[in-house]
Amino acid sequence: MIIKKFLTQVERTPEAFAVKTIRESITFRRLYRYGCRVAETLTPDMAGERVALLFQHGVDMIASLVGSCMRGAVFVPLDRTYPEHRLVYMLENSGARVILSNSTNFSLAERLARQLEEPTPIICIDRLPEEARETEPPVLDLNPASLAYILYTSGSTGMPKGVMQTRGNLLYYVRNWIERFSLQPGERMTFLTAFSHDGAQQDIWSALLSGSTLYPFDIKQQAGSRLLTEWVKEECITVWHSVPTLFRFFVDSLSPEDRFDELRWILLGGEPLRDRDIELFD
């Protein structure tokens, strides 16, 4: 199970950074403890139940995933930039029993909850006291065929559609990603994909299970091409993963003096690749 693999990595590299953003960072040990606090707020009968996650890119987002998985819940990532009526539909359609969020998104979570037919509690995970009892949840032996998460399409051509993924498939894809690109402790990986997209889970769990450091950057909220460029340089990113459109945006912002000697993989997907994209590698 994927959470067992994460716990193994925590034991191997407890003091290494698991997540690092422009404003915050957290080690594998602290992320595990944060995940335990999140899991403790979810009742033991949440295994197989839907938990909605409403966050911006950052530590809280990753901790919500870890905590949900510890309880065996099916997580439903929400894109906070979607129209509210679309998010309400996703919450109702998925049957989410609880919404995990943080202070930044709490007011939005409250507005969404007020529009739901059934009362749905909201847990603000960054307000959980750090000194709270951190009972280690039991590692559940879940069937690989059980659901891991539900992602929703944007709904731009109609109603959003839920796409379900099993735990076995998630672990399979993540293992392939780690092995194919030789990901290991000390790697520094971008996380630029929208939380509600399938590629986000690949980025997140590949980093957490390989001992790499994940670098979330919300391109929608942190505007400015030079900010992204300087961030990639300063943090010595080794693995870039994005859609081709974002890669073009990044390359077009570069000056002749920009160098990225540590960057060893540029992984593009999710959109058609053009001939010019290949040329940009040079």
Protein backbone atom coordinates (compact mmCIF):
# COMPACT_ATOMS: atom_id res chain seq x y z
CA MET A 1 0.00 0.00 0.00
CA ILE A 2 1.23 3.48 -0.84
CA ILE A 3 1.14 4.80 2.73
CA LYS A 4 3.35 1.91 3.88
CA LYS A 5 5.91 2.93 1.27
CA PHE A 6 5.78 6.49 2.57
CA LEU A 7 6.36 5.36 6.16
CA THR A 8 9.37 3.37 5.01
CA GLN A 9 10.80 6.50 3.41
CA VAL A 10 10.20 8.50 6.60
CA GLU A 11 12.34 5.96 8.46
CA ARG A 12 15.09 6.20 5.84
CA THR A 13 15.31 10.00 5.50
CA PRO A 14 13.51 11.54 8.49
CA GLU A 15 15.36 14.88 8.46
CA ALA A 16 15.47 15.39 4.69
CA PHE A 17 13.08 17.96 3.24
CA ALA A 18 9.92 16.37 1.89
CA VAL A 19 8.27 19.60 0.67
CA LYS A 20 9.73 23.05 0.09
CA THR A 21 8.01 26.15 -1.27
CA ILE A 22 9.01 29.79 -1.56
CA ARG A 23 7.60 30.43 1.94
CA GLU A 24 7.76 27.16 3.88
CA SER A 25 9.34 23.73 4.14
CA ILE A 26 8.85 20.49 6.05
CA THR A 27 10.94 17.37 6.65
CA PHE A 28 9.73 13.82 6.14
CA ARG A 29 9.45 13.31 9.90
CA ARG A 30 7.42 16.48 10.44
CA LEU A 31 5.21 15.75 7.44
CA TYR A 32 4.48 12.31 8.87
CA ARG A 33 3.55 13.85 12.23
CA TYR A 34 1.38 16.45 10.50
CA GLY A 35 -0.33 13.67 8.58
CA CYS A 36 -0.98 11.83 11.86
CA ARG A 37 -2.70 14.92 13.30
CA VAL A 38 -4.87 15.17 10.19
CA ALA A 39 -5.72 11.46 10.32
CA GLU A 40 -6.64 11.75 13.99
CA THR A 41 -9.36 14.27 13.16
CA LEU A 42 -10.97 11.75 10.79
CA THR A 43 -13.05 9.02 12.39
CA PRO A 44 -11.81 5.41 12.09
CA ASP A 45 -14.80 4.50 9.91
CA MET A 46 -13.59 6.82 7.12
CA ALA A 47 -11.92 3.98 5.19
CA GLY A 48 -13.51 4.00 1.73
CA GLU A 49 -15.36 7.26 2.43
CA ARG A 50 -14.86 10.44 0.36
CA VAL A 51 -12.84 13.33 1.77
CA ALA A 52 -12.68 16.59 -0.22
CA LEU A 53 -9.38 18.51 -0.20
CA LEU A 54 -9.43 22.27 -0.80
CA PHE A 55 -5.96 23.86 -0.72
CA GLN A 56 -3.42 25.99 -2.53
CA HIS A 57 -0.07 24.44 -3.45
CA GLY A 58 1.96 23.91 -0.30
CA VAL A 59 2.67 21.87 2.81
CA ASP A 60 -0.95 21.76 3.99
CA MET A 61 -2.04 20.25 0.68
CA ILE A 62 0.48 17.41 0.96
CA ALA A 63 -0.30 16.80 4.65
CA SER A 64 -4.00 16.46 3.81
CA LEU A 65 -3.17 13.71 1.31
CA VAL A 66 -0.99 11.85 3.79
CA GLY A 67 -3.59 12.08 6.56
CA SER A 68 -6.44 10.99 4.30
CA CYS A 69 -4.47 7.99 3.08
CA MET A 70 -3.59 7.01 6.63
CA ARG A 71 -7.31 6.66 7.32
CA GLY A 72 -7.90 4.79 4.06
CA ALA A 73 -10.20 7.54 2.79
CA VAL A 74 -10.86 8.26 -0.89
CA PHE A 75 -9.58 11.78 -1.45
CA VAL A 76 -11.24 14.23 -3.85
CA PRO A 77 -8.86 17.09 -4.78
CA LEU A 78 -10.67 20.34 -5.61
CA ASP A 79 -9.30 23.18 -7.73
CA ARG A 80 -10.09 26.35 -5.81
CA THR A 81 -10.00 28.40 -9.04
CA TYR A 82 -13.11 26.63 -10.37
CA PRO A 83 -16.49 28.43 -10.15
CA GLU A 84 -18.25 27.74 -6.86
CA HIS A 85 -21.26 26.08 -8.45
CA ARG A 86 -18.93 23.58 -10.11
CA LEU A 87 -17.17 22.81 -6.81
CA VAL A 88 -20.53 22.34 -5.08
CA TYR A 89 -21.52 19.85 -7.77
CA MET A 90 -18.27 17.91 -7.24
CA LEU A 91 -18.81 17.77 -3.50
CA GLU A 92 -22.37 16.51 -3.86
CA ASN A 93 -21.62 14.12 -6.71
CA SER A 94 -18.67 12.53 -4.90
CA GLY A 95 -20.60 12.19 -1.64
CA ALA A 96 -17.82 13.87 0.37
CA ARG A 97 -18.39 13.39 4.09
CA VAL A 98 -15.91 16.05 5.18
CA ILE A 99 -13.92 18.94 3.69
CA LEU A 100 -10.28 19.36 4.65
CA SER A 101 -8.97 22.88 4.13
CA ASN A 102 -6.78 25.55 5.75
CA SER A 103 -7.00 29.17 6.87
CA THR A 104 -6.32 30.52 3.38
CA ASN A 105 -9.27 28.66 1.88
CA PHE A 106 -11.56 28.35 4.90
CA SER A 107 -14.00 31.09 3.83
CA LEU A 108 -14.39 29.43 0.42
CA ALA A 109 -14.94 26.06 2.10
CA GLU A 110 -17.64 27.62 4.29
CA ARG A 111 -19.44 29.12 1.28
CA LEU A 112 -19.40 25.77 -0.47
CA ALA A 113 -20.64 23.92 2.61
CA ARG A 114 -23.59 26.30 3.00
CA GLN A 115 -24.76 25.38 -0.50
CA LEU A 116 -24.74 21.62 0.09
CA GLU A 117 -27.94 19.71 0.76
CA GLU A 118 -26.37 17.66 3.57
CA PRO A 119 -24.40 19.23 6.47
CA THR A 120 -20.70 18.69 5.77
CA PRO A 121 -18.08 19.46 8.43
CA ILE A 122 -14.94 21.44 7.56
CA ILE A 123 -11.61 20.70 9.21
CA CYS A 124 -9.04 23.51 9.09
CA ILE A 125 -5.86 21.47 9.36
CA ASP A 126 -3.39 24.31 9.90
CA ARG A 127 -5.30 25.27 13.06
CA LEU A 128 -4.81 21.84 14.64
CA PRO A 129 -2.62 22.33 17.74
CA GLU A 130 0.89 20.98 17.16
CA GLU A 131 1.07 19.75 20.74
CA ALA A 132 -2.02 17.61 20.20
CA ARG A 133 -1.73 13.89 20.76
CA GLU A 134 -0.27 12.36 17.62
CA THR A 135 -1.63 8.84 17.79
CA GLU A 136 -0.21 6.79 14.96
CA PRO A 137 -3.17 5.48 12.95
CA PRO A 138 -3.10 1.76 12.19
CA VAL A 139 -1.68 0.97 8.75
CA LEU A 140 -4.72 -0.47 7.02
CA ASP A 141 -4.30 -3.46 4.73
CA LEU A 142 -6.54 -2.16 1.96
CA ASN A 143 -7.38 -4.02 -1.20
CA PRO A 144 -5.34 -2.68 -4.17
CA ALA A 145 -8.59 -2.60 -6.12
CA SER A 146 -10.15 -0.16 -3.65
CA LEU A 147 -10.43 3.48 -4.64
CA ALA A 148 -7.60 5.90 -3.89
CA TYR A 149 -9.06 9.11 -5.28
CA ILE A 150 -11.64 10.71 -7.56
CA LEU A 151 -10.61 13.50 -9.92
CA TYR A 152 -13.12 15.67 -11.74
CA THR A 153 -12.81 17.07 -15.23
CA SER A 154 -13.11 20.84 -15.56
CA GLY A 155 -16.68 20.67 -16.84
CA SER A 156 -15.91 23.25 -19.51
CA THR A 157 -17.86 21.21 -22.08
CA GLY A 158 -20.67 20.19 -19.74
CA MET A 159 -20.96 18.78 -16.23
CA PRO A 160 -17.70 17.70 -14.54
CA LYS A 161 -17.13 13.96 -14.67
CA GLY A 162 -15.52 11.97 -11.88
CA VAL A 163 -12.56 9.82 -12.87
CA MET A 164 -11.74 7.11 -10.32
CA GLN A 165 -8.33 5.59 -9.65
CA THR A 166 -7.51 2.55 -7.53
CA ARG A 167 -4.74 2.28 -4.97
CA GLY A 168 -3.05 -0.48 -6.92
CA ASN A 169 -2.96 1.59 -10.11
CA LEU A 170 -1.66 4.66 -8.29
CA LEU A 171 1.20 2.69 -6.74
CA TYR A 172 1.96 1.04 -10.09
CA TYR A 173 2.26 4.36 -11.92
CA VAL A 174 4.33 5.92 -9.15
CA ARG A 175 6.75 2.98 -9.02
CA ASN A 176 7.21 3.13 -12.79
CA TRP A 177 7.89 6.88 -12.61
CA ILE A 178 10.50 6.43 -9.87
CA GLU A 179 12.27 3.57 -11.64
CA ARG A 180 12.15 5.05 -15.14
CA PHE A 181 13.75 8.33 -14.08
CA SER A 182 15.95 6.92 -11.30
CA LEU A 183 14.45 9.17 -8.63
CA GLN A 184 16.28 9.02 -5.32
CA PRO A 185 16.93 10.98 -2.12
CA GLY A 186 18.42 14.38 -2.88
CA GLU A 187 16.36 14.84 -6.04
CA ARG A 188 14.52 18.18 -6.31
CA MET A 189 11.28 17.93 -8.26
CA THR A 190 8.85 20.60 -9.44
CA PHE A 191 5.15 20.34 -8.69
CA LEU A 192 3.49 22.72 -11.15
CA THR A 193 0.39 20.74 -12.09
CA ALA A 194 -3.08 21.71 -10.88
CA PHE A 195 -3.98 19.70 -7.76
CA SER A 196 -7.10 18.33 -9.45
CA HIS A 197 -5.15 16.81 -12.37
CA ASP A 198 -3.88 13.24 -12.47
CA GLY A 199 -0.28 14.36 -12.99
CA ALA A 200 -0.30 16.00 -9.56
CA GLN A 201 -0.60 12.63 -7.83
CA GLN A 202 2.27 11.29 -9.89
CA ASP A 203 4.49 14.21 -8.89
CA ILE A 204 3.53 14.17 -5.22
CA TRP A 205 3.80 10.47 -4.51
CA SER A 206 6.88 9.94 -6.68
CA ALA A 207 8.70 12.46 -4.50
CA LEU A 208 7.37 11.14 -1.19
CA LEU A 209 8.17 7.51 -1.98
CA SER A 210 11.64 8.14 -3.44
CA GLY A 211 12.94 10.49 -0.76
CA SER A 212 13.04 13.40 -3.19
CA THR A 213 12.07 16.95 -2.24
CA LEU A 214 8.86 18.23 -3.82
CA TYR A 215 8.77 21.90 -4.85
CA PRO A 216 5.16 23.11 -5.25
CA PHE A 217 4.71 26.31 -7.25
CA ASP A 218 1.20 27.57 -8.04
CA ILE A 219 1.62 29.17 -11.43
CA LYS A 220 -1.91 30.64 -11.29
CA GLN A 221 -1.31 32.45 -8.00
CA GLN A 222 2.42 33.23 -8.13
CA ALA A 223 2.46 35.27 -11.30
CA GLY A 224 5.67 36.33 -12.97
CA SER A 225 7.89 34.32 -15.26
CA ARG A 226 11.08 35.63 -13.68
CA LEU A 227 9.92 34.49 -10.24
CA LEU A 228 9.58 30.95 -11.56
CA THR A 229 12.95 31.18 -13.34
CA GLU A 230 14.81 32.44 -10.28
CA TRP A 231 13.11 29.85 -8.08
CA VAL A 232 14.21 26.98 -10.33
CA LYS A 233 17.78 28.31 -10.38
CA GLU A 234 18.08 29.07 -6.67
CA GLU A 235 16.69 25.71 -5.60
CA CYS A 236 18.83 23.77 -8.13
CA ILE A 237 15.84 21.84 -9.44
CA THR A 238 16.83 18.49 -10.95
CA VAL A 239 13.48 17.32 -12.40
CA TRP A 240 11.08 19.60 -14.28
CA HIS A 241 7.62 18.23 -15.07
CA SER A 242 4.88 20.27 -16.73
CA VAL A 243 2.68 20.63 -19.78
CA PRO A 244 4.48 21.93 -22.91
CA THR A 245 2.67 25.28 -22.69
CA LEU A 246 4.20 26.06 -19.30
CA PHE A 247 7.62 24.92 -20.48
CA ARG A 248 7.42 27.36 -23.42
CA PHE A 249 6.44 30.11 -20.99
CA PHE A 250 9.44 29.24 -18.84
CA VAL A 251 11.94 29.12 -21.71
CA ASP A 252 10.68 32.39 -23.20
CA SER A 253 11.49 34.10 -19.90
CA LEU A 254 15.14 33.05 -19.93
CA SER A 255 18.08 35.33 -20.58
CA PRO A 256 21.34 34.20 -22.22
CA GLU A 257 22.97 34.17 -18.79
CA ASP A 258 20.49 31.72 -17.26
CA ARG A 259 22.01 28.32 -16.60
CA PHE A 260 20.51 25.23 -15.00
CA ASP A 261 23.42 22.87 -14.52
CA GLU A 262 21.58 20.68 -12.00
CA LEU A 263 18.54 20.06 -14.22
CA ARG A 264 18.77 16.51 -15.55
CA TRP A 265 15.20 15.69 -16.60
CA ILE A 266 12.63 17.81 -18.46
CA LEU A 267 9.39 15.84 -18.58
CA LEU A 268 6.52 17.19 -20.70
CA GLY A 269 3.05 15.74 -21.13
CA GLY A 270 -0.69 16.34 -21.08
CA GLU A 271 -0.69 18.27 -24.36
CA PRO A 272 0.55 17.70 -27.93
CA LEU A 273 4.30 18.24 -28.27
CA ARG A 274 5.45 20.52 -31.09
CA ASP A 275 8.71 20.45 -33.03
CA ARG A 276 9.67 23.74 -31.38
CA ASP A 277 9.35 22.14 -27.96
CA ILE A 278 12.04 19.64 -28.90
CA GLU A 279 14.24 22.47 -30.16
CA LEU A 280 13.85 24.30 -26.83
CA PHE A 281 15.77 21.50 -25.12
CA ASP A 282 18.91 22.82 -26.82
